[in-house]
N, C-alpha and C. Protein backbone atom coordinates (compact mmCIF):
# COMPACT_ATOMS: atom_id res chain seq x y z
N MET A 1 101.17 109.25 90.96
CA MET A 1 101.31 110.30 92.16
C MET A 1 102.77 110.39 92.86
N LEU A 2 103.17 109.20 93.22
CA LEU A 2 104.55 109.24 93.82
C LEU A 2 105.59 109.64 92.92
N LYS A 3 105.71 109.48 91.62
CA LYS A 3 106.59 110.15 90.87
C LYS A 3 106.58 111.54 90.68
N GLU A 4 105.43 112.13 90.68
CA GLU A 4 105.37 113.48 90.72
C GLU A 4 105.74 114.25 91.97
N ILE A 5 105.40 113.68 93.11
CA ILE A 5 106.16 113.91 94.45
C ILE A 5 107.49 114.05 94.45
N ALA A 6 108.13 112.96 93.83
CA ALA A 6 109.50 112.56 94.01
C ALA A 6 110.26 113.62 93.07
N LYS A 7 109.54 113.96 91.94
CA LYS A 7 110.00 115.13 90.95
C LYS A 7 110.28 116.28 91.56
N VAL A 8 109.15 116.83 92.17
CA VAL A 8 109.13 118.04 92.93
C VAL A 8 110.30 118.16 94.06
N LEU A 9 110.44 117.02 94.87
CA LEU A 9 111.28 116.91 95.88
C LEU A 9 112.82 117.00 95.47
N ILE A 10 113.05 116.19 94.49
CA ILE A 10 114.34 116.10 93.71
C ILE A 10 114.64 117.46 93.04
N GLY A 11 113.72 118.21 92.62
CA GLY A 11 113.93 119.54 91.95
C GLY A 11 114.37 120.45 93.22
N ALA A 12 113.75 120.36 94.26
CA ALA A 12 113.95 121.20 95.43
C ALA A 12 115.28 121.07 95.94
N LEU A 13 115.83 119.72 96.04
CA LEU A 13 117.04 119.19 96.81
C LEU A 13 118.30 119.77 95.65
N ILE A 14 118.06 119.75 94.31
CA ILE A 14 118.99 120.13 93.40
C ILE A 14 119.08 121.62 93.45
N ALA A 15 118.05 122.36 93.62
CA ALA A 15 118.15 123.70 93.85
C ALA A 15 118.83 124.09 95.05
N GLU A 16 118.62 123.40 96.05
CA GLU A 16 119.39 123.75 97.32
C GLU A 16 120.75 123.45 97.26
N MET A 17 121.16 122.25 96.56
CA MET A 17 122.62 121.94 96.45
C MET A 17 123.22 122.83 95.57
N ILE A 18 122.74 123.54 94.55
CA ILE A 18 123.26 124.64 93.76
C ILE A 18 123.36 125.81 94.63
N PHE A 19 122.43 126.15 95.51
CA PHE A 19 122.71 127.46 96.42
C PHE A 19 123.93 127.25 97.38
N PHE A 20 124.22 125.89 97.92
CA PHE A 20 125.20 125.91 98.92
C PHE A 20 126.40 125.71 98.29
N VAL A 21 126.55 125.23 96.86
CA VAL A 21 127.60 125.19 96.07
C VAL A 21 128.21 126.73 95.81
N TRP A 22 127.00 127.50 95.54
CA TRP A 22 127.49 128.90 95.21
C TRP A 22 127.81 129.56 96.53
N LEU A 23 127.31 129.21 97.71
CA LEU A 23 127.73 130.00 99.17
C LEU A 23 128.95 129.64 99.37
N ILE A 24 129.45 128.15 99.24
CA ILE A 24 130.75 127.96 99.45
C ILE A 24 131.69 128.69 98.60
N SER A 25 131.45 128.95 97.26
CA SER A 25 132.46 129.59 96.25
C SER A 25 132.41 131.04 96.55
N GLN A 26 131.34 131.75 97.35
CA GLN A 26 131.53 133.05 97.51
C GLN A 26 132.43 133.44 98.87
N ASN A 27 133.03 132.51 99.53
CA ASN A 27 133.57 132.60 100.80
C ASN A 27 132.99 133.65 101.71
N ILE A 28 131.61 133.51 101.95
CA ILE A 28 131.11 134.25 102.93
C ILE A 28 130.42 133.47 104.00
N LEU A 29 131.04 132.44 104.34
CA LEU A 29 130.70 131.29 105.34
C LEU A 29 131.59 131.90 106.66
N PRO A 30 130.73 131.54 107.87
CA PRO A 30 131.47 131.82 109.06
C PRO A 30 132.85 131.74 109.31
N VAL A 31 133.31 132.63 110.22
CA VAL A 31 135.00 132.38 110.30
C VAL A 31 135.37 131.14 110.91
N ASN A 32 136.52 130.93 111.02
CA ASN A 32 137.11 129.65 111.48
C ASN A 32 136.86 129.49 112.94
N PHE A 33 136.76 128.36 113.41
CA PHE A 33 136.54 128.20 114.92
C PHE A 33 137.40 126.85 115.43
N TRP A 34 138.39 127.00 116.03
CA TRP A 34 139.43 126.14 116.29
C TRP A 34 139.99 125.55 115.16
N PHE A 35 140.31 126.39 114.11
CA PHE A 35 140.91 126.10 112.89
C PHE A 35 140.14 124.91 111.95
N LEU A 36 138.78 125.11 112.27
CA LEU A 36 137.81 124.36 111.37
C LEU A 36 136.92 125.38 110.81
N GLU A 37 136.59 125.00 109.59
CA GLU A 37 135.63 125.87 108.99
C GLU A 37 134.36 125.37 109.00
N ILE A 38 133.42 125.77 109.91
CA ILE A 38 132.11 125.22 110.55
C ILE A 38 131.16 125.24 109.27
N GLY A 39 131.27 126.61 108.66
CA GLY A 39 130.35 126.88 107.69
C GLY A 39 130.61 125.89 106.53
N PHE A 40 131.84 125.83 106.12
CA PHE A 40 132.26 124.98 104.95
C PHE A 40 131.84 123.42 105.33
N ILE A 41 132.22 123.07 106.33
CA ILE A 41 131.90 121.60 106.58
C ILE A 41 130.41 121.31 106.69
N SER A 42 129.50 122.20 107.35
CA SER A 42 128.29 122.06 107.35
C SER A 42 127.69 122.09 106.11
N SER A 43 128.28 122.91 105.16
CA SER A 43 127.73 123.05 103.84
C SER A 43 127.89 121.77 103.04
N ILE A 44 128.99 121.20 103.25
CA ILE A 44 129.37 119.80 102.81
C ILE A 44 128.67 118.79 103.02
N ILE A 45 128.47 118.85 104.38
CA ILE A 45 127.39 117.61 105.06
C ILE A 45 126.05 117.98 104.34
N ILE A 46 125.53 119.12 104.14
CA ILE A 46 124.23 119.15 103.78
C ILE A 46 124.16 118.89 102.21
N ILE A 47 125.18 119.10 101.55
CA ILE A 47 125.21 118.74 100.10
C ILE A 47 125.18 117.14 99.94
N LEU A 48 126.08 116.50 100.82
CA LEU A 48 126.05 115.13 100.63
C LEU A 48 124.76 114.39 101.11
N THR A 49 124.21 114.97 102.08
CA THR A 49 122.82 114.50 102.51
C THR A 49 121.89 114.66 101.50
N ASP A 50 121.76 115.78 100.66
CA ASP A 50 120.86 116.16 99.62
C ASP A 50 121.06 115.09 98.66
N PHE A 51 122.41 114.75 98.29
CA PHE A 51 122.60 113.98 97.23
C PHE A 51 122.00 112.33 97.57
N THR A 52 122.32 112.00 98.97
CA THR A 52 121.92 110.78 99.29
C THR A 52 120.23 110.79 99.01
N LEU A 53 119.47 111.90 99.62
CA LEU A 53 118.13 111.99 99.56
C LEU A 53 117.70 111.77 98.07
N ILE A 54 118.34 112.36 97.09
CA ILE A 54 117.90 112.21 95.65
C ILE A 54 118.07 110.70 95.26
N ILE A 55 119.07 110.30 95.64
CA ILE A 55 119.21 108.66 95.30
C ILE A 55 118.03 107.87 95.97
N LEU A 56 117.76 108.15 97.18
CA LEU A 56 116.75 107.50 97.82
C LEU A 56 115.13 107.74 97.16
N PHE A 57 114.88 108.99 96.93
CA PHE A 57 113.71 109.30 96.23
C PHE A 57 113.64 108.63 94.86
N SER A 58 114.64 108.84 93.97
CA SER A 58 114.60 108.36 92.67
C SER A 58 114.61 106.58 92.88
N TYR A 59 115.10 106.04 93.72
CA TYR A 59 115.03 104.59 93.87
C TYR A 59 113.49 104.24 94.44
N TYR A 60 113.02 104.84 95.31
CA TYR A 60 111.87 104.47 95.67
C TYR A 60 110.47 104.91 94.58
N ALA A 61 110.91 106.02 93.92
CA ALA A 61 109.82 106.38 92.91
C ALA A 61 109.85 105.43 91.59
N TRP A 62 111.05 105.33 90.99
CA TRP A 62 111.15 104.67 89.81
C TRP A 62 111.68 103.21 89.65
N ILE A 63 112.66 103.04 90.51
CA ILE A 63 113.27 101.69 90.52
C ILE A 63 112.47 100.46 91.23
N ARG A 64 112.08 100.90 92.46
CA ARG A 64 111.47 99.85 93.22
C ARG A 64 110.02 99.96 92.87
N LYS A 65 109.26 98.61 92.58
CA LYS A 65 108.17 98.35 92.16
C LYS A 65 107.21 98.49 93.64
N PRO A 66 106.15 99.22 93.61
CA PRO A 66 105.63 99.29 94.84
C PRO A 66 104.56 98.09 94.85
N LYS A 67 104.45 97.42 95.87
CA LYS A 67 103.88 96.18 96.30
C LYS A 67 102.15 96.44 96.25
N ILE A 68 101.32 95.75 95.40
CA ILE A 68 99.97 96.16 95.29
C ILE A 68 99.49 94.81 95.87
N LYS A 69 98.65 94.93 96.77
CA LYS A 69 97.97 93.75 97.42
C LYS A 69 96.70 93.47 96.52
N LYS A 70 96.84 92.20 96.19
CA LYS A 70 95.74 91.66 95.40
C LYS A 70 94.50 91.09 96.32
N GLU A 71 93.38 91.53 95.94
CA GLU A 71 92.32 91.01 96.63
C GLU A 71 91.73 89.69 96.09
N LYS A 72 91.70 88.95 97.15
CA LYS A 72 91.42 87.36 96.72
C LYS A 72 89.69 87.27 96.54
N ASP A 73 89.44 86.64 95.56
CA ASP A 73 87.80 86.43 95.36
C ASP A 73 87.36 85.61 96.74
N ILE A 74 86.63 86.16 97.45
CA ILE A 74 86.10 85.70 98.76
C ILE A 74 85.19 84.55 98.29
N GLY A 75 84.26 84.99 97.44
CA GLY A 75 83.19 84.03 97.13
C GLY A 75 83.59 82.63 96.45
N ALA A 76 84.79 82.83 95.63
CA ALA A 76 85.13 81.54 94.98
C ALA A 76 86.05 80.55 95.98
N SER A 77 86.53 81.28 97.02
CA SER A 77 87.30 80.37 97.93
C SER A 77 86.31 79.67 99.11
N LYS A 78 85.33 80.18 99.05
CA LYS A 78 84.52 79.55 100.25
C LYS A 78 83.91 78.32 99.69
N ASN A 79 83.79 77.19 100.37
CA ASN A 79 83.27 75.93 100.08
C ASN A 79 81.72 75.83 100.53
N ILE A 80 80.98 75.83 99.72
CA ILE A 80 79.52 75.90 99.81
C ILE A 80 79.08 74.55 99.76
N ASP A 81 78.60 73.94 101.11
CA ASP A 81 78.05 72.52 100.83
C ASP A 81 76.39 72.57 101.10
């Protein structure tokens, strides 16, 4: 279940990254503000954040093994005298 959710989220993030790269390449971002291209900078920050989230989703879904608590046999651990 976790892997399927991670696949959907990774797909959405990749699509968003592609959109922002396309947006940067079209030069339709907001005009300069104090000699800083705010639209360009925010798009780069969003792309880097998406890349970080893809790495985290991949790590938690495939690399990290979820800890499964083992139930102890209660009847065997009791000392019946």
